[in-house]
């Protein structure tokens, strides 16, 4: 009878990466005069975090304003209407999560 050997089998549950064909939005070189969108995922302190970020941006740039939106849950993507509204009204949008 052959001696028993311990074997370790490693499985990788990840699927192969798929190119979704999505392009990143062009990056903004300067935030002076920009309207900043703030999208909260409704986690505790996320809105406070966004306000802190805006305050920091105001110290460094002459931003034109900020538009706040709340997607209502951290479990699902933001509704299309919210995304489209931020895209129409803002030059840059920041999605905040906090706890």
C-alpha atoms as a PDB file:
ATOM      1  CA  UNK A   1       0.000   0.000   0.000  1.00  0.00           C
ATOM      2  CA  UNK A   2       1.368   3.435  -0.972  1.00  0.00           C
ATOM      3  CA  UNK A   3       1.960   5.989   1.775  1.00  0.00           C
ATOM      4  CA  UNK A   4      -0.770   8.604   2.181  1.00  0.00           C
ATOM      5  CA  UNK A   5       0.179  12.122   1.096  1.00  0.00           C
ATOM      6  CA  UNK A   6      -1.523  15.344   2.036  1.00  0.00           C
ATOM      7  CA  UNK A   7      -2.531  17.390  -0.951  1.00  0.00           C
ATOM      8  CA  UNK A   8      -3.742  20.941  -1.044  1.00  0.00           C
ATOM      9  CA  UNK A   9      -6.067  21.850  -3.864  1.00  0.00           C
ATOM     10  CA  UNK A  10      -6.435  25.566  -4.489  1.00  0.00           C
ATOM     11  CA  UNK A  11      -9.460  26.868  -6.344  1.00  0.00           C
ATOM     12  CA  UNK A  12      -9.835  30.363  -7.774  1.00  0.00           C
ATOM     13  CA  UNK A  13     -13.524  31.402  -7.750  1.00  0.00           C
ATOM     14  CA  UNK A  14     -12.913  34.524  -9.832  1.00  0.00           C
ATOM     15  CA  UNK A  15     -14.175  34.614 -13.358  1.00  0.00           C
ATOM     16  CA  UNK A  16     -11.974  35.890 -16.136  1.00  0.00           C
ATOM     17  CA  UNK A  17     -12.091  39.661 -16.563  1.00  0.00           C
ATOM     18  CA  UNK A  18     -14.384  40.804 -19.323  1.00  0.00           C
ATOM     19  CA  UNK A  19     -13.808  44.042 -21.174  1.00  0.00           C
ATOM     20  CA  UNK A  20     -17.124  45.865 -20.902  1.00  0.00           C
ATOM     21  CA  UNK A  21     -16.103  48.399 -23.505  1.00  0.00           C
ATOM     22  CA  UNK A  22     -16.710  51.304 -21.138  1.00  0.00           C
ATOM     23  CA  UNK A  23     -14.471  54.342 -21.320  1.00  0.00           C
ATOM     24  CA  UNK A  24     -13.595  56.549 -18.394  1.00  0.00           C
ATOM     25  CA  UNK A  25     -14.819  60.115 -18.514  1.00  0.00           C
ATOM     26  CA  UNK A  26     -12.153  62.662 -19.403  1.00  0.00           C
ATOM     27  CA  UNK A  27     -10.324  63.970 -16.346  1.00  0.00           C
ATOM     28  CA  UNK A  28     -10.738  67.612 -15.337  1.00  0.00           C
ATOM     29  CA  UNK A  29      -7.419  69.468 -15.200  1.00  0.00           C
ATOM     30  CA  UNK A  30      -8.623  72.249 -12.897  1.00  0.00           C
ATOM     31  CA  UNK A  31     -11.640  72.591 -10.617  1.00  0.00           C
ATOM     32  CA  UNK A  32     -11.759  76.411 -10.697  1.00  0.00           C
ATOM     33  CA  UNK A  33     -15.294  77.373 -11.749  1.00  0.00           C
ATOM     34  CA  UNK A  34     -16.505  73.764 -11.611  1.00  0.00           C
ATOM     35  CA  UNK A  35     -19.767  72.539 -10.121  1.00  0.00           C
ATOM     36  CA  UNK A  36     -19.080  69.525  -7.921  1.00  0.00           C
ATOM     37  CA  UNK A  37     -21.645  66.728  -7.659  1.00  0.00           C
ATOM     38  CA  UNK A  38     -21.821  64.819  -4.384  1.00  0.00           C
ATOM     39  CA  UNK A  39     -23.484  61.413  -4.434  1.00  0.00           C
ATOM     40  CA  UNK A  40     -24.136  59.864  -1.036  1.00  0.00           C
ATOM     41  CA  UNK A  41     -24.775  56.145  -0.662  1.00  0.00           C
ATOM     42  CA  UNK A  42     -26.634  56.757   2.607  1.00  0.00           C
ATOM     43  CA  UNK A  43     -23.964  55.151   4.808  1.00  0.00           C
ATOM     44  CA  UNK A  44     -23.612  56.773   8.223  1.00  0.00           C
ATOM     45  CA  UNK A  45     -21.507  59.942   8.006  1.00  0.00           C
ATOM     46  CA  UNK A  46     -21.322  59.912   4.183  1.00  0.00           C
ATOM     47  CA  UNK A  47     -22.969  63.314   3.852  1.00  0.00           C
ATOM     48  CA  UNK A  48     -20.648  64.750   6.512  1.00  0.00           C
ATOM     49  CA  UNK A  49     -17.678  63.305   4.620  1.00  0.00           C
ATOM     50  CA  UNK A  50     -18.862  64.934   1.395  1.00  0.00           C
ATOM     51  CA  UNK A  51     -19.253  68.313   3.062  1.00  0.00           C
ATOM     52  CA  UNK A  52     -15.713  68.022   4.433  1.00  0.00           C
ATOM     53  CA  UNK A  53     -14.440  67.217   0.938  1.00  0.00           C
ATOM     54  CA  UNK A  54     -16.228  70.250  -0.510  1.00  0.00           C
ATOM     55  CA  UNK A  55     -14.790  72.474   2.221  1.00  0.00           C
ATOM     56  CA  UNK A  56     -11.299  71.201   1.384  1.00  0.00           C
ATOM     57  CA  UNK A  57     -11.880  71.776  -2.336  1.00  0.00           C
ATOM     58  CA  UNK A  58     -13.087  75.327  -1.644  1.00  0.00           C
ATOM     59  CA  UNK A  59      -9.793  76.049   0.122  1.00  0.00           C
ATOM     60  CA  UNK A  60      -7.805  75.012  -2.952  1.00  0.00           C
ATOM     61  CA  UNK A  61     -10.107  75.889  -5.878  1.00  0.00           C
ATOM     62  CA  UNK A  62     -12.694  78.513  -6.723  1.00  0.00           C
ATOM     63  CA  UNK A  63     -15.502  76.018  -7.258  1.00  0.00           C
ATOM     64  CA  UNK A  64     -18.779  77.424  -8.542  1.00  0.00           C
ATOM     65  CA  UNK A  65     -20.977  75.290  -6.312  1.00  0.00           C
ATOM     66  CA  UNK A  66     -21.997  71.837  -5.201  1.00  0.00           C
ATOM     67  CA  UNK A  67     -25.011  69.662  -5.986  1.00  0.00           C
ATOM     68  CA  UNK A  68     -25.895  67.011  -3.402  1.00  0.00           C
ATOM     69  CA  UNK A  69     -27.770  63.806  -4.186  1.00  0.00           C
ATOM     70  CA  UNK A  70     -28.501  60.709  -2.129  1.00  0.00           C
ATOM     71  CA  UNK A  71     -29.052  57.375  -3.853  1.00  0.00           C
ATOM     72  CA  UNK A  72     -30.856  56.073  -0.778  1.00  0.00           C
ATOM     73  CA  UNK A  73     -29.004  52.792  -0.278  1.00  0.00           C
ATOM     74  CA  UNK A  74     -25.495  51.405  -0.351  1.00  0.00           C
ATOM     75  CA  UNK A  75     -26.719  48.095  -1.774  1.00  0.00           C
ATOM     76  CA  UNK A  76     -27.760  49.118  -5.273  1.00  0.00           C
ATOM     77  CA  UNK A  77     -26.479  51.413  -8.001  1.00  0.00           C
ATOM     78  CA  UNK A  78     -27.900  54.911  -8.110  1.00  0.00           C
ATOM     79  CA  UNK A  79     -31.071  55.263 -10.175  1.00  0.00           C
ATOM     80  CA  UNK A  80     -30.481  56.414 -13.746  1.00  0.00           C
ATOM     81  CA  UNK A  81     -32.374  59.656 -13.057  1.00  0.00           C
ATOM     82  CA  UNK A  82     -29.897  60.654 -10.340  1.00  0.00           C
ATOM     83  CA  UNK A  83     -26.879  59.821 -12.509  1.00  0.00           C
ATOM     84  CA  UNK A  84     -28.292  61.772 -15.462  1.00  0.00           C
ATOM     85  CA  UNK A  85     -29.148  64.772 -13.271  1.00  0.00           C
ATOM     86  CA  UNK A  86     -25.631  64.909 -11.829  1.00  0.00           C
ATOM     87  CA  UNK A  87     -24.121  64.479 -15.309  1.00  0.00           C
ATOM     88  CA  UNK A  88     -26.238  67.356 -16.649  1.00  0.00           C
ATOM     89  CA  UNK A  89     -25.624  69.755 -13.757  1.00  0.00           C
ATOM     90  CA  UNK A  90     -22.068  68.985 -12.641  1.00  0.00           C
ATOM     91  CA  UNK A  91     -18.568  69.073 -14.066  1.00  0.00           C
ATOM     92  CA  UNK A  92     -17.263  66.482 -11.598  1.00  0.00           C
ATOM     93  CA  UNK A  93     -19.043  64.075  -9.253  1.00  0.00           C
ATOM     94  CA  UNK A  94     -17.704  62.450  -6.100  1.00  0.00           C
ATOM     95  CA  UNK A  95     -19.336  59.323  -4.712  1.00  0.00           C
ATOM     96  CA  UNK A  96     -18.905  59.152  -0.946  1.00  0.00           C
ATOM     97  CA  UNK A  97     -19.068  56.239   1.413  1.00  0.00           C
ATOM     98  CA  UNK A  98     -18.399  56.460   5.133  1.00  0.00           C
ATOM     99  CA  UNK A  99     -19.115  54.793   8.446  1.00  0.00           C
END
